[in-house]
Amino acid sequence: MTNKKRYLNWDDYSKYIEKLNEEVNFNQFDVIVGVTRGGLIPAVHLSECNNKKMLTIYCSFRDFNDDKSYSKDLEKINQYDNILLIDDIYDTGKTIKKIKTDLPNKKIKTYTMYTTDINEVDYYSVHKDFEDWIIFPWEQI
């Protein structure tokens, strides 16, 4: 892994969200789900822009994962059939794959700002074909 960092600024972030808003029909979704922590800000933004209910799910393979909290989040999400799942980065894919596996009979589409595999997400802003560590604007405090 590289120690090099790549900083995303608020202007580029906004362009990514605006482009997604133009390209996606959000009426197809019952709910937007933001993966804690990286997917929360884009999920809130898209939820507000499209007047959609938003839920969160805590699922992390990098940080400590609280299974009780995860199960409660799944119960809430399971009430909906058409889901847009949002995370900041699709890198190994473990997070998105786990959530999709644990919601087997749902129509789930995914959005990540960055993805290493364009065939594994439905919508993305940047194909991450570099090793730099992405620093998002909300992490630049």
Protein backbone atom coordinates (compact mmCIF):
# COMPACT_ATOMS: atom_id res chain seq x y z
CA MET A 1 0.00 0.00 0.00
CA THR A 2 1.18 3.49 -0.79
CA ASN A 3 1.59 6.31 1.68
CA LYS A 4 0.62 8.80 -1.01
CA LYS A 5 -2.63 10.63 -0.39
CA ARG A 6 -5.07 12.09 -2.90
CA TYR A 7 -7.37 14.82 -1.63
CA LEU A 8 -10.91 15.22 -2.91
CA ASN A 9 -12.19 18.78 -2.62
CA TRP A 10 -15.76 19.93 -2.05
CA ASP A 11 -16.14 21.23 -5.62
CA ASP A 12 -15.30 17.86 -7.16
CA TYR A 13 -17.49 16.09 -4.61
CA SER A 14 -20.40 18.35 -5.60
CA LYS A 15 -19.80 17.67 -9.30
CA TYR A 16 -19.93 13.91 -8.66
CA ILE A 17 -23.23 14.20 -6.78
CA GLU A 18 -24.77 16.53 -9.37
CA LYS A 19 -23.79 14.18 -12.20
CA LEU A 20 -25.28 11.20 -10.36
CA ASN A 21 -28.48 13.18 -9.76
CA GLU A 22 -28.77 13.88 -13.49
CA GLU A 23 -28.13 10.27 -14.55
CA VAL A 24 -30.18 8.28 -12.04
CA ASN A 25 -33.94 8.09 -11.62
CA PHE A 26 -34.27 8.15 -7.84
CA ASN A 27 -37.99 7.32 -8.04
CA GLN A 28 -36.97 3.68 -8.46
CA PHE A 29 -35.73 3.57 -4.85
CA ASP A 30 -37.77 3.25 -1.69
CA VAL A 31 -34.85 4.20 0.52
CA ILE A 32 -31.25 5.38 0.38
CA VAL A 33 -28.89 3.57 2.74
CA GLY A 34 -25.58 5.13 3.74
CA VAL A 35 -22.81 2.86 4.95
CA THR A 36 -21.27 4.30 8.10
CA ARG A 37 -19.03 6.26 7.97
CA GLY A 38 -17.86 6.94 4.43
CA GLY A 39 -21.25 6.73 2.74
CA LEU A 40 -23.11 8.99 5.16
CA ILE A 41 -22.47 12.41 3.66
CA PRO A 42 -23.24 11.38 0.06
CA ALA A 43 -26.33 9.51 1.30
CA VAL A 44 -27.65 12.52 3.23
CA HIS A 45 -26.95 14.78 0.26
CA LEU A 46 -28.76 12.49 -2.22
CA SER A 47 -31.61 11.89 0.22
CA GLU A 48 -32.19 15.62 0.62
CA CYS A 49 -31.90 16.35 -3.13
CA ASN A 50 -34.38 13.63 -4.01
CA ASN A 51 -36.73 13.74 -1.03
CA LYS A 52 -36.02 10.10 -0.18
CA LYS A 53 -36.01 8.37 3.17
CA MET A 54 -32.50 7.59 4.36
CA LEU A 55 -31.23 4.91 6.70
CA THR A 56 -27.73 4.00 7.83
CA ILE A 57 -25.93 0.73 8.30
CA TYR A 58 -22.77 0.15 10.27
CA CYS A 59 -20.64 -2.43 8.52
CA SER A 60 -16.88 -2.16 8.67
CA PHE A 61 -14.09 -4.57 7.99
CA ARG A 62 -11.43 -1.95 8.69
CA ASP A 63 -12.76 -0.80 12.07
CA PHE A 64 -14.47 -2.67 14.87
CA ASN A 65 -17.87 -3.95 13.74
CA ASP A 66 -20.78 -4.09 16.19
CA ASP A 67 -22.89 -7.09 15.18
CA LYS A 68 -25.87 -6.04 17.35
CA SER A 69 -26.01 -2.64 15.70
CA TYR A 70 -25.60 -4.25 12.26
CA SER A 71 -28.52 -6.62 12.90
CA LYS A 72 -30.78 -3.77 14.03
CA ASP A 73 -29.83 -1.76 10.94
CA LEU A 74 -30.63 -4.77 8.71
CA GLU A 75 -34.07 -5.13 10.32
CA LYS A 76 -34.94 -1.53 9.45
CA ILE A 77 -33.62 -1.78 5.89
CA ASN A 78 -35.40 -5.09 5.34
CA GLN A 79 -38.74 -3.23 5.34
CA TYR A 80 -37.90 -1.82 1.90
CA ASP A 81 -37.62 -3.58 -1.45
CA ASN A 82 -35.76 -1.12 -3.70
CA ILE A 83 -32.59 0.13 -2.09
CA LEU A 84 -29.76 2.44 -3.13
CA LEU A 85 -26.72 1.49 -1.05
CA ILE A 86 -24.04 4.18 -0.83
CA ASP A 87 -20.44 3.93 0.32
CA ASP A 88 -17.42 6.11 -0.30
CA ILE A 89 -15.08 3.52 -1.84
CA TYR A 90 -15.45 0.05 -3.30
CA ASP A 91 -12.00 -1.39 -2.71
CA THR A 92 -12.10 -5.05 -1.65
CA GLY A 93 -15.88 -5.17 -1.94
CA LYS A 94 -16.34 -6.95 1.38
CA THR A 95 -18.72 -4.37 2.85
CA ILE A 96 -21.11 -4.15 -0.09
CA LYS A 97 -21.02 -7.90 -0.72
CA LYS A 98 -21.85 -8.66 2.93
CA ILE A 99 -24.79 -6.27 3.03
CA LYS A 100 -26.19 -7.56 -0.27
CA THR A 101 -25.79 -11.17 0.93
CA ASP A 102 -27.62 -10.35 4.16
CA LEU A 103 -30.54 -8.77 2.24
CA PRO A 104 -31.11 -11.59 -0.26
CA ASN A 105 -34.55 -10.77 -1.65
CA LYS A 106 -34.08 -7.05 -2.13
CA LYS A 107 -33.38 -5.06 -5.27
CA ILE A 108 -30.17 -3.30 -4.30
CA LYS A 109 -28.25 -0.90 -6.48
CA THR A 110 -24.96 0.52 -5.34
CA TYR A 111 -23.13 3.83 -5.65
CA THR A 112 -19.58 4.52 -4.58
CA MET A 113 -17.62 7.66 -5.30
CA TYR A 114 -14.55 5.56 -6.10
CA THR A 115 -14.41 1.95 -7.24
CA THR A 116 -11.60 -0.42 -8.04
CA ASP A 117 -13.98 -2.65 -10.00
CA ILE A 118 -16.50 -0.98 -12.31
CA ASN A 119 -18.34 -4.28 -12.79
CA GLU A 120 -19.25 -4.61 -9.12
CA VAL A 121 -21.12 -1.34 -8.54
CA ASP A 122 -24.10 0.07 -10.40
CA TYR A 123 -23.04 3.71 -10.23
CA TYR A 124 -19.68 5.30 -9.50
CA SER A 125 -17.90 8.60 -10.05
CA VAL A 126 -14.24 7.60 -10.41
CA HIS A 127 -12.57 4.35 -11.44
CA LYS A 128 -9.84 4.05 -8.81
CA ASP A 129 -7.00 2.53 -10.81
CA PHE A 130 -4.39 3.99 -8.50
CA GLU A 131 -3.15 3.09 -5.02
CA ASP A 132 -3.31 6.51 -3.39
CA TRP A 133 -5.29 6.80 -0.18
CA ILE A 134 -8.35 8.99 -0.81
CA ILE A 135 -8.96 11.78 1.70
CA PHE A 136 -12.52 13.07 1.43
CA PRO A 137 -13.40 16.70 2.18
CA TRP A 138 -15.21 15.77 5.41
CA GLU A 139 -12.03 14.04 6.61
CA GLN A 140 -9.92 17.15 6.05
CA ILE A 141 -10.69 18.76 9.40
